[in-house]
């Protein structure tokens, strides 16, 4: 036997030995293997070794966990068995993407932006946040101020409270009313530089009732300010 034949025989024997070792470790398919268990499927169950078919532990469904989490979020936001809690649930049923706390946080940011944009006469910012009707009112007030030559100097101190007080569904439109209590420093000067309203040194408490709306059937996720009033 030549040296090449000996080397070939050596590798052949080694391959056979490796095959039998792998089969002993990994096992062989017999056609009776059970499919892998999906831990989140209601159709699958886990049985203890040696138990009969009646002793089955069904694993929890993922959607049940999500529903419990959503209920907890709603009840921690609005007191259970109140009109607001029921309204939040109705809105979420119509729009599963709605998150009340995220909405309130968004309103807090929008409120500051609107207040400061109005003081600065920033129509571009206002136009993106207000409904057409509200924007027209703000634009008219800014135009009249500019015509007189008045200047507003404002400092936004912060928001003390921002509470969702009402939800109204009108067809596919959701209207959410917020009560916002803020701290502002505001002073208005005429074209001669004389103070005509407010105080540049005094912090004032302002309470506003603002209503935001969105068509929940639309792909546009943005809310628009559709009504404003001051609480006396």
Foldseek 3Di string as FASTA:
>chain_A
DDPVVVVVVVVVVVVVVVVVVVCVVVPDDDPPDDDDDDLQDQVDWDDDPPDDPVRTDGHHHPVVVVVVVVLVQLCVQPPPPDPVSVLVVVVCVLPVVDRVVVVQVVVQVLVVQCVVCLLVVVLVSQVVAADPVVSVVSNVVSVVCVVQQKHKDKDWDGWPDKHFDDWDDDPQKIKIKIKTKGKMAMWMATNVRHTDDGDNPDIDIWIKIWMWMDRSVDPDPHIHTYDIDTDD
